[in-house]
Amino acid sequence: MSWALRQLRREHATISGLARRLGASWWALWRAVKPVLEHLAGDESRFTGVRSLGVDEHIWHHGDRSTKGPKELTVMVDLTRDDEGRVHARLLDLVPGRSKRACQMVCVSPD
C-alpha cells in the first residue's frame, strides 16, 4: 500500500496506471487506497509549517463531460520555501467549487 501511495503523491501516478502495473482492477485498487487517502486528508497536521499558500481554480473533466463528480475545484498548494530558497510545491487540498466559500473551507484557520 505504501508504494501505491508514494506513486500517487510523489510520482503523479493515476489509479488506472497503478492498477495496470499491479494487474488489478481500478475498483479493487481504489477500494484499498481511498480510506487511506481520506484519513490523510483529515489530518490537520499537513498544514504545519505552511508559510506561503497558493490558491487557484481548476476545471476537471474525466473524459466524458456528462459523468458525475466535481467539474470545478479550488486547489490549495504549499509554496513555502526551504532554507535554500527553493519551493517544493506540495498539494494540500482540492475543494469542490471555485468560489470564495470553497477557499474558506480550507484557508480559514479554526484558531
PDB file of N, CA and C in Angstrom:
ATOM      1  N   MET A   1       0.815  -1.186   0.000  1.00  0.00           N
ATOM      2  CA  MET A   1       0.000   0.000   0.000  1.00  0.00           C
ATOM      3  C   MET A   1       0.862   1.255   0.000  1.00  0.00           C
ATOM      4  N   SER A   2       1.951   1.264   0.775  1.00  0.00           N
ATOM      5  CA  SER A   2       2.775   2.467   0.852  1.00  0.00           C
ATOM      6  C   SER A   2       3.397   2.791  -0.505  1.00  0.00           C
ATOM      7  N   TRP A   3       3.739   1.769  -1.285  1.00  0.00           N
ATOM      8  CA  TRP A   3       4.287   2.017  -2.611  1.00  0.00           C
ATOM      9  C   TRP A   3       3.262   2.740  -3.485  1.00  0.00           C
ATOM     10  N   ALA A   4       2.027   2.275  -3.471  1.00  0.00           N
ATOM     11  CA  ALA A   4       0.974   2.892  -4.283  1.00  0.00           C
ATOM     12  C   ALA A   4       0.742   4.337  -3.848  1.00  0.00           C
ATOM     13  N   LEU A   5       0.724   4.598  -2.553  1.00  0.00           N
ATOM     14  CA  LEU A   5       0.534   5.970  -2.071  1.00  0.00           C
ATOM     15  C   LEU A   5       1.686   6.872  -2.483  1.00  0.00           C
ATOM     16  N   ARG A   6       2.918   6.363  -2.404  1.00  0.00           N
ATOM     17  CA  ARG A   6       4.070   7.163  -2.858  1.00  0.00           C
ATOM     18  C   ARG A   6       3.947   7.490  -4.339  1.00  0.00           C
ATOM     19  N   GLN A   7       3.519   6.513  -5.132  1.00  0.00           N
ATOM     20  CA  GLN A   7       3.359   6.746  -6.567  1.00  0.00           C
ATOM     21  C   GLN A   7       2.310   7.825  -6.831  1.00  0.00           C
ATOM     22  N   LEU A   8       1.212   7.778  -6.089  1.00  0.00           N
ATOM     23  CA  LEU A   8       0.149   8.772  -6.262  1.00  0.00           C
ATOM     24  C   LEU A   8       0.605  10.156  -5.822  1.00  0.00           C
ATOM     25  N   ARG A   9       1.277  10.228  -4.679  1.00  0.00           N
ATOM     26  CA  ARG A   9       1.607  11.509  -4.078  1.00  0.00           C
ATOM     27  C   ARG A   9       2.856  12.147  -4.668  1.00  0.00           C
ATOM     28  N   ARG A  10       3.853  11.356  -4.996  1.00  0.00           N
ATOM     29  CA  ARG A  10       5.130  11.943  -5.408  1.00  0.00           C
ATOM     30  C   ARG A  10       5.455  11.764  -6.887  1.00  0.00           C
ATOM     31  N   GLU A  11       4.879  10.766  -7.502  1.00  0.00           N
ATOM     32  CA  GLU A  11       5.200  10.483  -8.901  1.00  0.00           C
ATOM     33  C   GLU A  11       4.057  10.834  -9.843  1.00  0.00           C
ATOM     34  N   HIS A  12       2.991  11.405  -9.313  1.00  0.00           N
ATOM     35  CA  HIS A  12       1.835  11.844 -10.118  1.00  0.00           C
ATOM     36  C   HIS A  12       1.191  10.686 -10.880  1.00  0.00           C
ATOM     37  N   ALA A  13       1.246   9.490 -10.304  1.00  0.00           N
ATOM     38  CA  ALA A  13       0.629   8.328 -10.931  1.00  0.00           C
ATOM     39  C   ALA A  13      -0.893   8.435 -10.818  1.00  0.00           C
ATOM     40  N   THR A  14      -1.573   7.668 -11.618  1.00  0.00           N
ATOM     41  CA  THR A  14      -3.035   7.602 -11.565  1.00  0.00           C
ATOM     42  C   THR A  14      -3.450   6.237 -11.031  1.00  0.00           C
ATOM     43  N   ILE A  15      -4.672   6.160 -10.562  1.00  0.00           N
ATOM     44  CA  ILE A  15      -5.205   4.874 -10.112  1.00  0.00           C
ATOM     45  C   ILE A  15      -5.218   3.894 -11.282  1.00  0.00           C
ATOM     46  N   SER A  16      -5.618   4.368 -12.458  1.00  0.00           N
ATOM     47  CA  SER A  16      -5.659   3.487 -13.643  1.00  0.00           C
ATOM     48  C   SER A  16      -4.279   2.931 -13.959  1.00  0.00           C
ATOM     49  N   GLY A  17      -3.275   3.806 -13.950  1.00  0.00           N
ATOM     50  CA  GLY A  17      -1.912   3.367 -14.263  1.00  0.00           C
ATOM     51  C   GLY A  17      -1.379   2.378 -13.246  1.00  0.00           C
ATOM     52  N   LEU A  18      -1.616   2.652 -11.978  1.00  0.00           N
ATOM     53  CA  LEU A  18      -1.154   1.741 -10.936  1.00  0.00           C
ATOM     54  C   LEU A  18      -1.887   0.401 -10.999  1.00  0.00           C
ATOM     55  N   ALA A  19      -3.183   0.447 -11.258  1.00  0.00           N
ATOM     56  CA  ALA A  19      -3.951  -0.803 -11.370  1.00  0.00           C
ATOM     57  C   ALA A  19      -3.390  -1.671 -12.498  1.00  0.00           C
ATOM     58  N   ARG A  20      -3.060  -1.048 -13.627  1.00  0.00           N
ATOM     59  CA  ARG A  20      -2.454  -1.806 -14.736  1.00  0.00           C
ATOM     60  C   ARG A  20      -1.140  -2.438 -14.308  1.00  0.00           C
ATOM     61  N   ARG A  21      -0.295  -1.656 -13.636  1.00  0.00           N
ATOM     62  CA  ARG A  21       1.012  -2.174 -13.210  1.00  0.00           C
ATOM     63  C   ARG A  21       0.882  -3.313 -12.215  1.00  0.00           C
ATOM     64  N   LEU A  22      -0.157  -3.246 -11.386  1.00  0.00           N
ATOM     65  CA  LEU A  22      -0.352  -4.282 -10.365  1.00  0.00           C
ATOM     66  C   LEU A  22      -1.193  -5.452 -10.850  1.00  0.00           C
ATOM     67  N   GLY A  23      -1.769  -5.334 -12.046  1.00  0.00           N
ATOM     68  CA  GLY A  23      -2.625  -6.392 -12.558  1.00  0.00           C
ATOM     69  C   GLY A  23      -3.930  -6.491 -11.791  1.00  0.00           C
ATOM     70  N   ALA A  24      -4.407  -5.332 -11.315  1.00  0.00           N
ATOM     71  CA  ALA A  24      -5.653  -5.291 -10.544  1.00  0.00           C
ATOM     72  C   ALA A  24      -6.660  -4.420 -11.278  1.00  0.00           C
ATOM     73  N   SER A  25      -7.906  -4.518 -10.866  1.00  0.00           N
ATOM     74  CA  SER A  25      -8.908  -3.634 -11.456  1.00  0.00           C
ATOM     75  C   SER A  25      -8.818  -2.262 -10.794  1.00  0.00           C
ATOM     76  N   TRP A  26      -9.325  -1.250 -11.488  1.00  0.00           N
ATOM     77  CA  TRP A  26      -9.352   0.109 -10.954  1.00  0.00           C
ATOM     78  C   TRP A  26     -10.093   0.107  -9.617  1.00  0.00           C
ATOM     79  N   TRP A  27     -11.253  -0.547  -9.575  1.00  0.00           N
ATOM     80  CA  TRP A  27     -12.078  -0.550  -8.374  1.00  0.00           C
ATOM     81  C   TRP A  27     -11.398  -1.257  -7.209  1.00  0.00           C
ATOM     82  N   ALA A  28     -10.698  -2.340  -7.471  1.00  0.00           N
ATOM     83  CA  ALA A  28     -10.010  -3.067  -6.390  1.00  0.00           C
ATOM     84  C   ALA A  28      -8.948  -2.173  -5.751  1.00  0.00           C
ATOM     85  N   LEU A  29      -8.166  -1.496  -6.572  1.00  0.00           N
ATOM     86  CA  LEU A  29      -7.139  -0.620  -6.036  1.00  0.00           C
ATOM     87  C   LEU A  29      -7.764   0.584  -5.325  1.00  0.00           C
ATOM     88  N   TRP A  30      -8.793   1.176  -5.923  1.00  0.00           N
ATOM     89  CA  TRP A  30      -9.437   2.342  -5.321  1.00  0.00           C
ATOM     90  C   TRP A  30     -10.037   2.002  -3.952  1.00  0.00           C
ATOM     91  N   ARG A  31     -10.650   0.824  -3.826  1.00  0.00           N
ATOM     92  CA  ARG A  31     -11.225   0.422  -2.531  1.00  0.00           C
ATOM     93  C   ARG A  31     -10.142   0.312  -1.463  1.00  0.00           C
ATOM     94  N   ALA A  32      -8.932  -0.054  -1.848  1.00  0.00           N
ATOM     95  CA  ALA A  32      -7.835  -0.163  -0.885  1.00  0.00           C
ATOM     96  C   ALA A  32      -7.231   1.199  -0.557  1.00  0.00           C
ATOM     97  N   VAL A  33      -7.127   2.061  -1.545  1.00  0.00           N
ATOM     98  CA  VAL A  33      -6.432   3.342  -1.387  1.00  0.00           C
ATOM     99  C   VAL A  33      -7.325   4.432  -0.805  1.00  0.00           C
ATOM    100  N   LYS A  34      -8.587   4.452  -1.176  1.00  0.00           N
ATOM    101  CA  LYS A  34      -9.487   5.548  -0.793  1.00  0.00           C
ATOM    102  C   LYS A  34      -9.541   5.802   0.717  1.00  0.00           C
ATOM    103  N   PRO A  35      -9.730   4.779   1.564  1.00  0.00           N
ATOM    104  CA  PRO A  35      -9.803   5.071   3.001  1.00  0.00           C
ATOM    105  C   PRO A  35      -8.510   5.673   3.559  1.00  0.00           C
ATOM    106  N   VAL A  36      -7.383   5.259   3.023  1.00  0.00           N
ATOM    107  CA  VAL A  36      -6.105   5.802   3.483  1.00  0.00           C
ATOM    108  C   VAL A  36      -5.984   7.269   3.073  1.00  0.00           C
ATOM    109  N   LEU A  37      -6.356   7.579   1.845  1.00  0.00           N
ATOM    110  CA  LEU A  37      -6.316   8.970   1.385  1.00  0.00           C
ATOM    111  C   LEU A  37      -7.277   9.847   2.178  1.00  0.00           C
ATOM    112  N   GLU A  38      -8.463   9.329   2.487  1.00  0.00           N
ATOM    113  CA  GLU A  38      -9.426  10.084   3.288  1.00  0.00           C
ATOM    114  C   GLU A  38      -8.879  10.359   4.689  1.00  0.00           C
ATOM    115  N   HIS A  39      -8.210   9.375   5.264  1.00  0.00           N
ATOM    116  CA  HIS A  39      -7.604   9.561   6.576  1.00  0.00           C
ATOM    117  C   HIS A  39      -6.518  10.644   6.522  1.00  0.00           C
ATOM    118  N   LEU A  40      -5.667  10.576   5.518  1.00  0.00           N
ATOM    119  CA  LEU A  40      -4.607  11.574   5.371  1.00  0.00           C
ATOM    120  C   LEU A  40      -5.177  12.975   5.147  1.00  0.00           C
ATOM    121  N   ALA A  41      -6.253  13.071   4.374  1.00  0.00           N
ATOM    122  CA  ALA A  41      -6.879  14.370   4.111  1.00  0.00           C
ATOM    123  C   ALA A  41      -7.467  14.973   5.376  1.00  0.00           C
ATOM    124  N   GLY A  42      -7.869  14.140   6.319  1.00  0.00           N
ATOM    125  CA  GLY A  42      -8.444  14.627   7.564  1.00  0.00           C
ATOM    126  C   GLY A  42      -7.402  15.023   8.605  1.00  0.00           C
ATOM    127  N   ASP A  43      -6.130  14.770   8.320  1.00  0.00           N
ATOM    128  CA  ASP A  43      -5.053  15.072   9.262  1.00  0.00           C
ATOM    129  C   ASP A  43      -4.636  16.534   9.128  1.00  0.00           C
ATOM    130  N   GLU A  44      -5.045  17.352  10.086  1.00  0.00           N
ATOM    131  CA  GLU A  44      -4.763  18.790  10.041  1.00  0.00           C
ATOM    132  C   GLU A  44      -3.268  19.099  10.143  1.00  0.00           C
ATOM    133  N   SER A  45      -2.456  18.149  10.585  1.00  0.00           N
ATOM    134  CA  SER A  45      -1.019  18.409  10.706  1.00  0.00           C
ATOM    135  C   SER A  45      -0.360  18.618   9.346  1.00  0.00           C
ATOM    136  N   ARG A  46      -1.058  18.288   8.261  1.00  0.00           N
ATOM    137  CA  ARG A  46      -0.467  18.506   6.931  1.00  0.00           C
ATOM    138  C   ARG A  46      -0.270  19.987   6.652  1.00  0.00           C
ATOM    139  N   PHE A  47      -0.939  20.862   7.426  1.00  0.00           N
ATOM    140  CA  PHE A  47      -0.779  22.310   7.256  1.00  0.00           C
ATOM    141  C   PHE A  47       0.344  22.883   8.115  1.00  0.00           C
ATOM    142  N   THR A  48       0.946  22.068   8.975  1.00  0.00           N
ATOM    143  CA  THR A  48       2.035  22.533   9.828  1.00  0.00           C
ATOM    144  C   THR A  48       3.201  22.999   8.963  1.00  0.00           C
ATOM    145  N   GLY A  49       3.705  24.172   9.262  1.00  0.00           N
ATOM    146  CA  GLY A  49       4.861  24.704   8.550  1.00  0.00           C
ATOM    147  C   GLY A  49       4.540  25.434   7.268  1.00  0.00           C
ATOM    148  N   VAL A  50       3.276  25.494   6.883  1.00  0.00           N
ATOM    149  CA  VAL A  50       2.906  26.213   5.665  1.00  0.00           C
ATOM    150  C   VAL A  50       3.030  27.709   5.940  1.00  0.00           C
ATOM    151  N   ARG A  51       3.868  28.373   5.158  1.00  0.00           N
ATOM    152  CA  ARG A  51       4.077  29.812   5.307  1.00  0.00           C
ATOM    153  C   ARG A  51       3.598  30.579   4.083  1.00  0.00           C
ATOM    154  N   SER A  52       3.483  29.882   2.969  1.00  0.00           N
ATOM    155  CA  SER A  52       3.046  30.510   1.722  1.00  0.00           C
ATOM    156  C   SER A  52       2.061  29.572   1.031  1.00  0.00           C
ATOM    157  N   LEU A  53       0.831  30.046   0.855  1.00  0.00           N
ATOM    158  CA  LEU A  53      -0.228  29.214   0.299  1.00  0.00           C
ATOM    159  C   LEU A  53      -0.607  29.703  -1.092  1.00  0.00           C
ATOM    160  N   GLY A  54      -0.591  28.808  -2.051  1.00  0.00           N
ATOM    161  CA  GLY A  54      -1.059  29.109  -3.395  1.00  0.00           C
ATOM    162  C   GLY A  54      -2.467  28.591  -3.570  1.00  0.00           C
ATOM    163  N   VAL A  55      -3.343  29.408  -4.116  1.00  0.00           N
ATOM    164  CA  VAL A  55      -4.733  29.027  -4.333  1.00  0.00           C
ATOM    165  C   VAL A  55      -5.077  29.309  -5.784  1.00  0.00           C
ATOM    166  N   ASP A  56      -5.681  28.346  -6.450  1.00  0.00           N
ATOM    167  CA  ASP A  56      -6.059  28.519  -7.849  1.00  0.00           C
ATOM    168  C   ASP A  56      -7.302  27.682  -8.105  1.00  0.00           C
ATOM    169  N   GLU A  57      -7.909  27.922  -9.240  1.00  0.00           N
ATOM    170  CA  GLU A  57      -9.060  27.112  -9.624  1.00  0.00           C
ATOM    171  C   GLU A  57      -8.642  26.183 -10.753  1.00  0.00           C
ATOM    172  N   HIS A  58      -9.350  25.093 -10.850  1.00  0.00           N
ATOM    173  CA  HIS A  58      -9.032  24.096 -11.872  1.00  0.00           C
ATOM    174  C   HIS A  58     -10.337  23.530 -12.414  1.00  0.00           C
ATOM    175  N   ILE A  59     -10.421  23.429 -13.713  1.00  0.00           N
ATOM    176  CA  ILE A  59     -11.567  22.785 -14.367  1.00  0.00           C
ATOM    177  C   ILE A  59     -11.126  21.365 -14.710  1.00  0.00           C
ATOM    178  N   TRP A  60     -11.883  20.399 -14.261  1.00  0.00           N
ATOM    179  CA  TRP A  60     -11.510  18.996 -14.374  1.00  0.00           C
ATOM    180  C   TRP A  60     -12.582  18.253 -15.152  1.00  0.00           C
ATOM    181  N   HIS A  61     -12.173  17.501 -16.143  1.00  0.00           N
ATOM    182  CA  HIS A  61     -13.109  16.671 -16.909  1.00  0.00           C
ATOM    183  C   HIS A  61     -12.550  15.263 -16.980  1.00  0.00           C
ATOM    184  N   HIS A  62     -13.343  14.302 -16.578  1.00  0.00           N
ATOM    185  CA  HIS A  62     -12.947  12.899 -16.638  1.00  0.00           C
ATOM    186  C   HIS A  62     -13.475  12.307 -17.934  1.00  0.00           C
ATOM    187  N   GLY A  63     -12.794  12.575 -19.030  1.00  0.00           N
ATOM    188  CA  GLY A  63     -13.235  12.013 -20.309  1.00  0.00           C
ATOM    189  C   GLY A  63     -14.588  12.550 -20.709  1.00  0.00           C
ATOM    190  N   ASP A  64     -15.624  11.810 -20.431  1.00  0.00           N
ATOM    191  CA  ASP A  64     -16.991  12.194 -20.774  1.00  0.00           C
ATOM    192  C   ASP A  64     -17.455  13.291 -19.821  1.00  0.00           C
ATOM    193  N   ARG A  65     -17.738  14.462 -20.340  1.00  0.00           N
ATOM    194  CA  ARG A  65     -18.105  15.609 -19.506  1.00  0.00           C
ATOM    195  C   ARG A  65     -19.445  15.439 -18.811  1.00  0.00           C
ATOM    196  N   SER A  66     -20.220  14.443 -19.198  1.00  0.00           N
ATOM    197  CA  SER A  66     -21.528  14.256 -18.565  1.00  0.00           C
ATOM    198  C   SER A  66     -21.442  13.361 -17.330  1.00  0.00           C
ATOM    199  N   THR A  67     -20.251  12.818 -17.023  1.00  0.00           N
ATOM    200  CA  THR A  67     -20.123  11.924 -15.864  1.00  0.00           C
ATOM    201  C   THR A  67     -20.211  12.706 -14.567  1.00  0.00           C
ATOM    202  N   LYS A  68     -20.479  11.968 -13.502  1.00  0.00           N
ATOM    203  CA  LYS A  68     -20.620  12.588 -12.190  1.00  0.00           C
ATOM    204  C   LYS A  68     -19.274  13.077 -11.668  1.00  0.00           C
ATOM    205  N   GLY A  69     -19.356  13.849 -10.618  1.00  0.00           N
ATOM    206  CA  GLY A  69     -18.144  14.340  -9.963  1.00  0.00           C
ATOM    207  C   GLY A  69     -17.976  15.826 -10.168  1.00  0.00           C
ATOM    208  N   PRO A  70     -17.174  16.449  -9.283  1.00  0.00           N
ATOM    209  CA  PRO A  70     -16.981  17.893  -9.389  1.00  0.00           C
ATOM    210  C   PRO A  70     -16.238  18.254 -10.674  1.00  0.00           C
ATOM    211  N   LYS A  71     -16.674  19.308 -11.307  1.00  0.00           N
ATOM    212  CA  LYS A  71     -16.013  19.776 -12.525  1.00  0.00           C
ATOM    213  C   LYS A  71     -15.101  20.958 -12.226  1.00  0.00           C
ATOM    214  N   GLU A  72     -15.444  21.739 -11.197  1.00  0.00           N
ATOM    215  CA  GLU A  72     -14.640  22.885 -10.812  1.00  0.00           C
ATOM    216  C   GLU A  72     -14.086  22.641  -9.418  1.00  0.00           C
ATOM    217  N   LEU A  73     -12.798  22.884  -9.251  1.00  0.00           N
ATOM    218  CA  LEU A  73     -12.140  22.651  -7.980  1.00  0.00           C
ATOM    219  C   LEU A  73     -11.310  23.866  -7.603  1.00  0.00           C
ATOM    220  N   THR A  74     -11.206  24.133  -6.302  1.00  0.00           N
ATOM    221  CA  THR A  74     -10.258  25.106  -5.786  1.00  0.00           C
ATOM    222  C   THR A  74      -9.081  24.299  -5.263  1.00  0.00           C
ATOM    223  N   VAL A  75      -7.884  24.670  -5.706  1.00  0.00           N
ATOM    224  CA  VAL A  75      -6.667  23.925  -5.404  1.00  0.00           C
ATOM    225  C   VAL A  75      -5.828  24.724  -4.413  1.00  0.00           C
ATOM    226  N   MET A  76      -5.374  24.074  -3.334  1.00  0.00           N
ATOM    227  CA  MET A  76      -4.502  24.696  -2.360  1.00  0.00           C
ATOM    228  C   MET A  76      -3.154  23.987  -2.381  1.00  0.00           C
ATOM    229  N   VAL A  77      -2.075  24.784  -2.546  1.00  0.00           N
ATOM    230  CA  VAL A  77      -0.730  24.231  -2.659  1.00  0.00           C
ATOM    231  C   VAL A  77       0.191  24.953  -1.676  1.00  0.00           C
ATOM    232  N   ASP A  78       1.013  24.196  -0.958  1.00  0.00           N
ATOM    233  CA  ASP A  78       2.021  24.778  -0.074  1.00  0.00           C
ATOM    234  C   ASP A  78       3.183  25.253  -0.945  1.00  0.00           C
ATOM    235  N   LEU A  79       3.458  26.558  -0.921  1.00  0.00           N
ATOM    236  CA  LEU A  79       4.543  27.144  -1.702  1.00  0.00           C
ATOM    237  C   LEU A  79       5.655  27.687  -0.800  1.00  0.00           C
ATOM    238  N   THR A  80       5.741  27.147   0.422  1.00  0.00           N
ATOM    239  CA  THR A  80       6.753  27.582   1.376  1.00  0.00           C
ATOM    240  C   THR A  80       8.141  27.239   0.846  1.00  0.00           C
ATOM    241  N   ARG A  81       9.067  28.188   0.989  1.00  0.00           N
ATOM    242  CA  ARG A  81      10.457  27.971   0.545  1.00  0.00           C
ATOM    243  C   ARG A  81      11.268  27.272   1.630  1.00  0.00           C
ATOM    244  N   ASP A  82      12.217  26.434   1.192  1.00  0.00           N
ATOM    245  CA  ASP A  82      13.096  25.767   2.151  1.00  0.00           C
ATOM    246  C   ASP A  82      14.226  26.727   2.550  1.00  0.00           C
ATOM    247  N   ASP A  83      15.188  26.257   3.344  1.00  0.00           N
ATOM    248  CA  ASP A  83      16.274  27.109   3.843  1.00  0.00           C
ATOM    249  C   ASP A  83      17.155  27.657   2.726  1.00  0.00           C
ATOM    250  N   GLU A  84      17.145  27.005   1.575  1.00  0.00           N
ATOM    251  CA  GLU A  84      17.944  27.457   0.433  1.00  0.00           C
ATOM    252  C   GLU A  84      17.121  28.284  -0.547  1.00  0.00           C
ATOM    253  N   GLY A  85      15.878  28.591  -0.188  1.00  0.00           N
ATOM    254  CA  GLY A  85      15.041  29.445  -1.020  1.00  0.00           C
ATOM    255  C   GLY A  85      14.288  28.729  -2.130  1.00  0.00           C
ATOM    256  N   ARG A  86      14.349  27.399  -2.157  1.00  0.00           N
ATOM    257  CA  ARG A  86      13.642  26.637  -3.191  1.00  0.00           C
ATOM    258  C   ARG A  86      12.241  26.274  -2.734  1.00  0.00           C
ATOM    259  N   VAL A  87      11.312  26.284  -3.680  1.00  0.00           N
ATOM    260  CA  VAL A  87       9.937  25.871  -3.407  1.00  0.00           C
ATOM    261  C   VAL A  87       9.787  24.407  -3.811  1.00  0.00           C
ATOM    262  N   HIS A  88       9.236  23.622  -2.916  1.00  0.00           N
ATOM    263  CA  HIS A  88       8.896  22.224  -3.211  1.00  0.00           C
ATOM    264  C   HIS A  88       7.381  22.141  -3.092  1.00  0.00           C
ATOM    265  N   ALA A  89       6.690  22.557  -4.139  1.00  0.00           N
ATOM    266  CA  ALA A  89       5.225  22.657  -4.108  1.00  0.00           C
ATOM    267  C   ALA A  89       4.614  21.339  -3.644  1.00  0.00           C
ATOM    268  N   ARG A  90       3.647  21.458  -2.731  1.00  0.00           N
ATOM    269  CA  ARG A  90       3.001  20.283  -2.139  1.00  0.00           C
ATOM    270  C   ARG A  90       1.499  20.522  -2.137  1.00  0.00           C
ATOM    271  N   LEU A  91       0.774  19.619  -2.800  1.00  0.00           N
ATOM    272  CA  LEU A  91      -0.681  19.722  -2.838  1.00  0.00           C
ATOM    273  C   LEU A  91      -1.235  19.499  -1.437  1.00  0.00           C
ATOM    274  N   LEU A  92      -2.052  20.445  -0.980  1.00  0.00           N
ATOM    275  CA  LEU A  92      -2.658  20.340   0.341  1.00  0.00           C
ATOM    276  C   LEU A  92      -4.102  19.887   0.276  1.00  0.00           C
ATOM    277  N   ASP A  93      -4.852  20.405  -0.709  1.00  0.00           N
ATOM    278  CA  ASP A  93      -6.265  20.056  -0.758  1.00  0.00           C
ATOM    279  C   ASP A  93      -6.874  20.452  -2.095  1.00  0.00           C
ATOM    280  N   LEU A  94      -7.932  19.745  -2.454  1.00  0.00           N
ATOM    281  CA  LEU A  94      -8.797  20.073  -3.584  1.00  0.00           C
ATOM    282  C   LEU A  94     -10.202  20.178  -3.023  1.00  0.00           C
ATOM    283  N   VAL A  95     -10.836  21.326  -3.217  1.00  0.00           N
ATOM    284  CA  VAL A  95     -12.174  21.547  -2.677  1.00  0.00           C
ATOM    285  C   VAL A  95     -13.134  21.739  -3.845  1.00  0.00           C
ATOM    286  N   PRO A  96     -14.244  20.994  -3.868  1.00  0.00           N
ATOM    287  CA  PRO A  96     -15.218  21.190  -4.955  1.00  0.00           C
ATOM    288  C   PRO A  96     -15.719  22.625  -4.988  1.00  0.00           C
ATOM    289  N   GLY A  97     -15.825  23.163  -6.186  1.00  0.00           N
ATOM    290  CA  GLY A  97     -16.297  24.530  -6.377  1.00  0.00           C
ATOM    291  C   GLY A  97     -15.140  25.475  -6.619  1.00  0.00           C
ATOM    292  N   ARG A  98     -15.461  26.655  -7.074  1.00  0.00           N
ATOM    293  CA  ARG A  98     -14.412  27.648  -7.298  1.00  0.00           C
ATOM    294  C   ARG A  98     -14.917  29.015  -6.853  1.00  0.00           C
ATOM    295  N   SER A  99     -15.262  29.074  -5.599  1.00  0.00           N
ATOM    296  CA  SER A  99     -15.813  30.291  -5.043  1.00  0.00           C
ATOM    297  C   SER A  99     -15.026  30.693  -3.804  1.00  0.00           C
ATOM    298  N   LYS A 100     -15.309  31.862  -3.298  1.00  0.00           N
ATOM    299  CA  LYS A 100     -14.700  32.319  -2.056  1.00  0.00           C
ATOM    300  C   LYS A 100     -15.005  31.317  -0.946  1.00  0.00           C
ATOM    301  N   ARG A 101     -16.216  30.815  -0.912  1.00  0.00           N
ATOM    302  CA  ARG A 101     -16.626  29.842   0.108  1.00  0.00           C
ATOM    303  C   ARG A 101     -15.795  28.559   0.019  1.00  0.00           C
ATOM    304  N   ALA A 102     -15.531  28.096  -1.181  1.00  0.00           N
ATOM    305  CA  ALA A 102     -14.718  26.890  -1.363  1.00  0.00           C
ATOM    306  C   ALA A 102     -13.330  27.102  -0.773  1.00  0.00           C
ATOM    307  N   CYS A 103     -12.755  28.266  -1.030  1.00  0.00           N
ATOM    308  CA  CYS A 103     -11.427  28.576  -0.493  1.00  0.00           C
ATOM    309  C   CYS A 103     -11.469  28.665   1.023  1.00  0.00           C
ATOM    310  N   GLN A 104     -12.493  29.273   1.574  1.00  0.00           N
ATOM    311  CA  GLN A 104     -12.588  29.436   3.021  1.00  0.00           C
ATOM    312  C   GLN A 104     -12.705  28.101   3.741  1.00  0.00           C
ATOM    313  N   MET A 105     -13.185  27.088   3.067  1.00  0.00           N
ATOM    314  CA  MET A 105     -13.315  25.770   3.697  1.00  0.00           C
ATOM    315  C   MET A 105     -11.952  25.258   4.175  1.00  0.00           C
ATOM    316  N   VAL A 106     -10.879  25.652   3.490  1.00  0.00           N
ATOM    317  CA  VAL A 106      -9.553  25.207   3.860  1.00  0.00           C
ATOM    318  C   VAL A 106      -8.684  26.349   4.344  1.00  0.00           C
ATOM    319  N   CYS A 107      -8.826  27.522   3.756  1.00  0.00           N
ATOM    320  CA  CYS A 107      -7.919  28.633   4.040  1.00  0.00           C
ATOM    321  C   CYS A 107      -8.110  29.238   5.419  1.00  0.00           C
ATOM    322  N   VAL A 108      -9.312  29.227   5.941  1.00  0.00           N
ATOM    323  CA  VAL A 108      -9.576  29.881   7.218  1.00  0.00           C
ATOM    324  C   VAL A 108      -9.233  28.932   8.350  1.00  0.00           C
ATOM    325  N   SER A 109      -8.317  29.361   9.189  1.00  0.00           N
ATOM    326  CA  SER A 109      -7.893  28.556  10.322  1.00  0.00           C
ATOM    327  C   SER A 109      -8.929  28.603  11.430  1.00  0.00           C
ATOM    328  N   PRO A 110      -9.136  27.472  12.147  1.00  0.00           N
ATOM    329  CA  PRO A 110     -10.133  27.456  13.217  1.00  0.00           C
ATOM    330  C   PRO A 110      -9.689  28.222  14.459  1.00  0.00           C
ATOM    331  N   ASP A 111      -8.395  28.611  14.580  1.00  0.00           N
ATOM    332  CA  ASP A 111      -7.950  29.330  15.782  1.00  0.00           C
ATOM    333  C   ASP A 111      -8.437  30.726  15.808  1.00  0.00           C
TER     334      ASP A 111
END
